[in-house]
Amino acid sequence: MADVFSKAKRSEVMSRIRSSGNRDTELVMVALMRAHGITGWRRGQRLPGRPDFVFRRERVCVFVDGCFWHGCPLHFRRPKSRRAFWDAKIARNKARDRRVARELRASGWRVLRVWEHALRKPGPLLARLRRAIGA
């Protein structure tokens, strides 16, 4: 389907959209941790990569990665338009994720990356998290 706006108008419209962060997946993770009695985490900690959840005492950082933005090997579907742009964008995101994980590990942190789709069947995710934090 063709866009109803010209390229210039679409660019203007899109530039006015401001993100408030990907809160849905993070809120699901909060609900899961609370429902299963996992405590001791904090949000908004100033560490490399801005982890979604930080267990300071256990030195564990948790990132909840969206399947699209972080290039999930199971669910990522590249948009049909501007393929080169999206390939480069997702490649940069993956490279940044690896760099941040290296920085955190070098500083003595354990890094857990959780795919968005793992929140649908949380059993294995919760087991991994409990092992990481020693709960």
Protein backbone atom coordinates (compact mmCIF):
# COMPACT_ATOMS: atom_id res chain seq x y z
CA MET A 1 0.00 0.00 0.00
CA ALA A 2 1.34 3.41 -0.94
CA ASP A 3 1.96 6.01 1.73
CA VAL A 4 -0.54 8.88 1.81
CA PHE A 5 2.26 11.36 2.61
CA SER A 6 5.16 12.48 0.46
CA LYS A 7 8.62 11.36 1.60
CA ALA A 8 9.32 14.83 3.02
CA LYS A 9 6.01 14.97 4.92
CA ARG A 10 6.44 11.40 6.25
CA SER A 11 9.93 12.33 7.46
CA GLU A 12 8.53 15.40 9.23
CA VAL A 13 5.72 13.39 10.86
CA MET A 14 8.08 10.63 12.02
CA SER A 15 10.64 13.09 13.39
CA ARG A 16 8.03 14.43 15.80
CA ILE A 17 7.43 11.03 17.40
CA ARG A 18 9.30 10.74 20.68
CA SER A 19 9.99 7.41 22.29
CA SER A 20 9.31 6.79 25.95
CA GLY A 21 11.24 3.54 25.85
CA ASN A 22 10.04 0.01 25.32
CA ARG A 23 8.08 -0.23 28.52
CA ASP A 24 5.71 -3.09 27.70
CA THR A 25 8.30 -5.85 27.85
CA GLU A 26 9.92 -4.32 30.91
CA LEU A 27 6.57 -4.13 32.72
CA VAL A 28 5.91 -7.79 31.91
CA MET A 29 9.31 -8.63 33.39
CA VAL A 30 8.52 -6.59 36.52
CA ALA A 31 5.22 -8.45 36.93
CA LEU A 32 6.94 -11.83 36.49
CA MET A 33 9.63 -11.06 39.05
CA ARG A 34 7.10 -9.76 41.57
CA ALA A 35 4.77 -12.73 41.04
CA HIS A 36 7.63 -15.16 41.65
CA GLY A 37 9.11 -13.38 44.66
CA ILE A 38 12.29 -12.21 42.95
CA THR A 39 13.43 -9.10 44.79
CA GLY A 40 16.47 -6.89 45.11
CA TRP A 41 16.48 -5.40 41.61
CA ARG A 42 16.63 -1.77 40.64
CA ARG A 43 15.87 0.11 37.44
CA GLY A 44 17.51 3.15 35.90
CA GLN A 45 20.99 2.42 37.18
CA ARG A 46 23.74 4.34 35.43
CA LEU A 47 25.81 1.53 34.02
CA PRO A 48 27.07 0.99 30.47
CA GLY A 49 24.16 0.20 28.16
CA ARG A 50 21.56 1.26 30.75
CA PRO A 51 20.46 -2.26 31.84
CA ASP A 52 16.71 -2.73 32.29
CA PHE A 53 17.20 -4.38 35.70
CA VAL A 54 20.20 -4.40 38.01
CA PHE A 55 20.82 -6.69 40.97
CA ARG A 56 23.62 -4.67 42.60
CA ARG A 57 24.50 -7.02 45.44
CA GLU A 58 24.72 -9.99 43.06
CA ARG A 59 26.33 -7.84 40.31
CA VAL A 60 23.86 -9.03 37.67
CA CYS A 61 22.53 -6.86 34.83
CA VAL A 62 19.42 -7.91 32.92
CA PHE A 63 18.56 -6.58 29.47
CA VAL A 64 15.15 -7.35 27.96
CA ASP A 65 15.75 -7.24 24.20
CA GLY A 66 12.97 -6.71 21.69
CA CYS A 67 12.97 -9.30 18.91
CA PHE A 68 12.88 -6.64 16.18
CA TRP A 69 15.35 -4.05 17.46
CA HIS A 70 17.98 -6.54 18.58
CA GLY A 71 17.68 -8.96 15.64
CA CYS A 72 16.28 -12.08 17.29
CA PRO A 73 17.42 -15.13 15.28
CA LEU A 74 13.95 -16.69 15.64
CA HIS A 75 11.60 -13.76 15.08
CA PHE A 76 13.37 -10.87 13.38
CA ARG A 77 11.75 -10.01 10.06
CA ARG A 78 13.53 -7.36 8.05
CA PRO A 79 11.16 -4.71 6.65
CA LYS A 80 10.67 -4.90 2.90
CA SER A 81 11.51 -1.26 2.34
CA ARG A 82 14.93 0.29 2.96
CA ARG A 83 16.56 -3.10 3.46
CA ALA A 84 20.11 -1.75 3.48
CA PHE A 85 19.18 0.79 6.16
CA TRP A 86 17.59 -1.85 8.40
CA ASP A 87 20.43 -4.33 7.91
CA ALA A 88 22.94 -1.68 8.99
CA LYS A 89 20.74 -0.48 11.89
CA ILE A 90 20.23 -3.95 13.37
CA ALA A 91 23.92 -4.81 12.85
CA ARG A 92 24.89 -1.66 14.80
CA ASN A 93 22.45 -2.58 17.59
CA LYS A 94 23.91 -6.09 17.84
CA ALA A 95 27.47 -4.73 17.87
CA ARG A 96 26.53 -2.25 20.62
CA ASP A 97 24.95 -5.08 22.66
CA ARG A 98 28.17 -7.12 22.40
CA ARG A 99 30.34 -4.11 23.30
CA VAL A 100 28.20 -3.24 26.34
CA ALA A 101 28.23 -6.85 27.54
CA ARG A 102 32.05 -6.93 27.24
CA GLU A 103 32.37 -3.67 29.21
CA LEU A 104 30.10 -4.90 31.98
CA ARG A 105 31.82 -8.30 32.22
CA ALA A 106 35.21 -6.58 32.36
CA SER A 107 33.88 -4.59 35.33
CA GLY A 108 32.83 -7.75 37.15
CA TRP A 109 29.14 -7.86 36.20
CA ARG A 110 27.22 -10.88 34.97
CA VAL A 111 25.02 -10.05 31.96
CA LEU A 112 21.71 -11.74 31.19
CA ARG A 113 20.01 -10.98 27.89
CA VAL A 114 16.35 -11.93 27.71
CA TRP A 115 14.52 -12.07 24.39
CA GLU A 116 11.08 -10.51 24.30
CA HIS A 117 9.58 -13.85 23.19
CA ALA A 118 10.97 -15.60 26.31
CA LEU A 119 8.47 -13.64 28.41
CA ARG A 120 5.60 -15.67 26.91
CA LYS A 121 6.80 -18.92 28.51
CA PRO A 122 8.72 -17.66 31.53
CA GLY A 123 9.68 -20.95 33.23
CA PRO A 124 13.18 -21.29 31.73
CA LEU A 125 13.76 -17.54 31.97
CA LEU A 126 12.93 -17.48 35.69
CA ALA A 127 15.17 -20.50 36.30
CA ARG A 128 18.08 -18.74 34.52
CA LEU A 129 17.49 -15.58 36.51
CA ARG A 130 17.32 -17.42 39.84
CA ARG A 131 20.61 -19.21 39.07
CA ALA A 132 22.27 -15.91 38.15
CA ILE A 133 21.23 -14.15 41.34
CA GLY A 134 21.65 -17.20 43.55
CA ALA A 135 18.00 -17.30 44.64
